[in-house]
Amino acid sequence: MVGTEETRLVILRGNSASGKSTVAVGLRERFGRGLALVGQDNIRRVVLRERDRPGAANIGLIDLTARYALDAGYHVVVEGILYADRYGDMLARLRRDHRGPTHAYYLDVPFAETLARHATKPIADEVDESQLRDWYRTLDLLPGGIETVIGADSTLAATVDRIMAETGLTGLPALE
């Protein structure tokens, strides 16, 4: 078992440029200290500098990082593309082992909107449309209907408000 009955685990998934990282940062800004962000891109690309492939080391490191933060009393947001076929088993074990409430969200953004958003990102010159198309998966949901799908029509503020309220993070005290 991991975490406590009070810790919150939030899983935030979606295609590239769907707003996952922006929503995660918004959650942390709204909550304050005591909310850990476990970002797939940071662990995979920065810490390990590896490609996203089945069985890659980042999968285990994401799991260990989230577990460590939960055990230390942090609420945790795990965010990334986190393809269901590669990360689903790890996320299922993490959800099963977490003592507190766990909520999962999938940000559903059409491919055309993904392209438009991607053009504004720092890596826009490194990743072209064909790569984005290869990465894109329509509604790559985890099994069991455990994810709440949030569409592209939800604003950043509305998405952060919704997740804060549904997870119970609204009203919980931040760490000093």
Protein backbone atom coordinates (compact mmCIF):
# COMPACT_ATOMS: atom_id res chain seq x y z
CA MET A 1 0.00 0.00 0.00
CA VAL A 2 1.13 3.52 -0.73
CA GLY A 3 0.22 7.00 0.53
CA THR A 4 -2.46 7.64 3.12
CA GLU A 5 -6.23 7.89 3.09
CA GLU A 6 -5.76 11.67 2.82
CA THR A 7 -3.35 11.76 -0.15
CA ARG A 8 -4.81 12.34 -3.61
CA LEU A 9 -3.49 10.71 -6.77
CA VAL A 10 -4.45 12.38 -10.04
CA ILE A 11 -3.61 10.75 -13.37
CA LEU A 12 -3.71 13.18 -16.28
CA ARG A 13 -3.34 11.72 -19.77
CA GLY A 14 -3.87 12.75 -23.38
CA ASN A 15 -2.15 13.25 -26.70
CA SER A 16 0.76 15.59 -27.29
CA ALA A 17 -0.26 19.27 -26.95
CA SER A 18 -3.57 18.41 -25.28
CA GLY A 19 -2.77 20.64 -22.29
CA LYS A 20 -1.70 18.04 -19.72
CA SER A 21 1.39 19.86 -18.47
CA THR A 22 -0.39 23.22 -18.43
CA VAL A 23 -3.27 21.76 -16.41
CA ALA A 24 -0.81 20.06 -14.02
CA VAL A 25 1.00 23.36 -13.43
CA GLY A 26 -2.37 25.08 -12.93
CA LEU A 27 -3.30 22.49 -10.30
CA ARG A 28 -0.06 23.05 -8.45
CA GLU A 29 -0.37 26.84 -8.62
CA ARG A 30 -3.91 26.63 -7.28
CA PHE A 31 -3.08 24.12 -4.54
CA GLY A 32 0.34 25.34 -3.41
CA ARG A 33 3.07 23.34 -1.67
CA GLY A 34 2.36 19.69 -1.09
CA LEU A 35 1.35 18.70 -4.61
CA ALA A 36 4.05 16.81 -6.55
CA LEU A 37 4.14 16.82 -10.34
CA VAL A 38 5.43 13.59 -11.84
CA GLY A 39 5.77 14.40 -15.53
CA GLN A 40 6.45 11.68 -18.07
CA ASP A 41 8.37 14.09 -20.32
CA ASN A 42 10.65 15.20 -17.50
CA ILE A 43 11.46 11.70 -16.31
CA ARG A 44 11.71 10.15 -19.77
CA ARG A 45 13.37 12.93 -21.77
CA VAL A 46 15.31 14.90 -19.14
CA VAL A 47 16.21 12.48 -16.34
CA LEU A 48 16.74 9.32 -18.42
CA ARG A 49 16.99 10.71 -21.98
CA GLU A 50 15.27 7.67 -23.42
CA ARG A 51 12.74 7.06 -26.17
CA ASP A 52 9.16 6.11 -25.36
CA ARG A 53 8.95 2.38 -25.94
CA PRO A 54 7.35 -0.62 -24.25
CA GLY A 55 9.19 -1.71 -21.11
CA ALA A 56 11.37 1.42 -20.95
CA ALA A 57 12.98 2.42 -17.65
CA ASN A 58 10.88 5.59 -17.30
CA ILE A 59 7.78 3.51 -16.62
CA GLY A 60 9.24 2.13 -13.41
CA LEU A 61 10.77 5.47 -12.42
CA ILE A 62 7.42 7.25 -12.82
CA ASP A 63 5.88 4.60 -10.58
CA LEU A 64 8.63 4.83 -7.95
CA THR A 65 8.58 8.63 -7.95
CA ALA A 66 4.81 8.79 -7.51
CA ARG A 67 4.92 6.17 -4.73
CA TYR A 68 7.73 7.97 -2.92
CA ALA A 69 5.91 11.31 -3.02
CA LEU A 70 2.62 9.73 -1.86
CA ASP A 71 4.41 7.98 1.01
CA ALA A 72 5.99 11.32 1.96
CA GLY A 73 2.49 12.80 2.29
CA TYR A 74 2.31 14.69 -1.02
CA HIS A 75 -0.68 14.69 -3.31
CA VAL A 76 0.56 13.56 -6.72
CA VAL A 77 -0.29 14.42 -10.31
CA VAL A 78 1.14 11.89 -12.79
CA GLU A 79 0.90 13.46 -16.24
CA GLY A 80 1.91 12.50 -19.74
CA ILE A 81 0.81 10.86 -22.94
CA LEU A 82 1.19 7.59 -21.02
CA TYR A 83 -0.07 5.27 -23.77
CA ALA A 84 -2.53 2.76 -22.32
CA ASP A 85 -0.73 -0.28 -23.77
CA ARG A 86 2.67 0.77 -22.32
CA TYR A 87 1.76 2.46 -19.04
CA GLY A 88 -1.64 0.93 -18.24
CA ASP A 89 -0.38 -1.92 -16.06
CA MET A 90 1.84 0.40 -14.01
CA LEU A 91 -0.99 2.91 -13.57
CA ALA A 92 -3.40 0.12 -12.58
CA ARG A 93 -0.99 -1.12 -9.88
CA LEU A 94 -0.42 2.42 -8.62
CA ARG A 95 -4.19 3.05 -8.44
CA ARG A 96 -4.77 -0.28 -6.70
CA ASP A 97 -2.03 0.32 -4.13
CA HIS A 98 -2.93 3.93 -3.32
CA ARG A 99 -4.80 4.19 0.00
CA GLY A 100 -6.45 7.52 -0.77
CA PRO A 101 -8.72 8.74 -3.55
CA THR A 102 -7.44 8.33 -7.10
CA HIS A 103 -8.88 10.20 -10.08
CA ALA A 104 -7.96 9.78 -13.74
CA TYR A 105 -8.58 12.25 -16.55
CA TYR A 106 -8.05 12.08 -20.30
CA LEU A 107 -7.76 15.36 -22.20
CA ASP A 108 -9.37 14.73 -25.58
CA VAL A 109 -8.16 17.18 -28.22
CA PRO A 110 -8.75 16.64 -31.97
CA PHE A 111 -5.65 16.23 -34.15
CA ALA A 112 -6.15 19.59 -35.90
CA GLU A 113 -6.12 21.34 -32.51
CA THR A 114 -3.04 19.31 -31.50
CA LEU A 115 -1.23 20.69 -34.56
CA ALA A 116 -2.23 24.26 -33.78
CA ARG A 117 -1.16 23.99 -30.14
CA HIS A 118 2.07 22.18 -31.02
CA ALA A 119 3.11 25.08 -33.27
CA THR A 120 3.36 27.29 -30.15
CA LYS A 121 5.63 24.90 -28.22
CA PRO A 122 9.45 25.17 -27.92
CA ILE A 123 9.89 21.76 -29.62
CA ALA A 124 7.81 22.78 -32.66
CA ASP A 125 10.94 22.90 -34.86
CA GLU A 126 12.10 19.46 -33.68
CA VAL A 127 8.83 17.52 -34.10
CA ASP A 128 6.97 17.72 -37.40
CA GLU A 129 3.38 16.90 -38.38
CA SER A 130 4.18 13.34 -39.46
CA GLN A 131 5.72 12.57 -36.06
CA LEU A 132 2.70 14.06 -34.29
CA ARG A 133 0.41 11.97 -36.48
CA ASP A 134 2.39 8.83 -35.56
CA TRP A 135 2.07 9.65 -31.84
CA TYR A 136 -1.61 10.59 -31.97
CA ARG A 137 -4.10 8.02 -30.68
CA THR A 138 -7.82 8.72 -30.66
CA LEU A 139 -9.29 8.18 -27.17
CA ASP A 140 -6.48 5.92 -25.91
CA LEU A 141 -8.39 5.27 -22.70
CA LEU A 142 -7.36 3.01 -19.84
CA PRO A 143 -9.53 -0.09 -19.42
CA GLY A 144 -12.47 -0.15 -17.04
CA GLY A 145 -13.91 3.26 -17.81
CA ILE A 146 -11.90 4.86 -15.00
CA GLU A 147 -11.04 8.09 -16.80
CA THR A 148 -13.11 11.22 -17.04
CA VAL A 149 -12.78 12.58 -20.56
CA ILE A 150 -12.42 16.35 -20.80
CA GLY A 151 -12.87 17.84 -24.26
CA ALA A 152 -11.00 20.63 -26.01
CA ASP A 153 -13.93 22.97 -25.37
CA SER A 154 -13.08 23.10 -21.65
CA THR A 155 -10.94 26.14 -20.86
CA LEU A 156 -7.80 25.84 -18.75
CA ALA A 157 -9.51 27.56 -15.82
CA ALA A 158 -12.59 25.35 -16.09
CA THR A 159 -10.47 22.19 -16.32
CA VAL A 160 -8.38 23.13 -13.28
CA ASP A 161 -11.52 24.11 -11.33
CA ARG A 162 -13.20 20.82 -12.22
CA ILE A 163 -10.25 18.64 -11.25
CA MET A 164 -9.66 20.57 -8.02
CA ALA A 165 -13.31 20.08 -7.02
CA GLU A 166 -13.71 16.45 -8.15
CA THR A 167 -10.50 15.28 -6.48
CA GLY A 168 -11.21 17.08 -3.24
CA LEU A 169 -8.02 19.15 -3.52
CA THR A 170 -10.14 22.28 -3.08
CA GLY A 171 -10.26 22.96 0.63
CA LEU A 172 -7.29 20.78 1.59
CA PRO A 173 -4.46 22.66 3.28
CA ALA A 174 -1.20 23.20 1.43
CA LEU A 175 2.11 22.50 3.18
CA GLU A 176 3.85 25.41 4.86
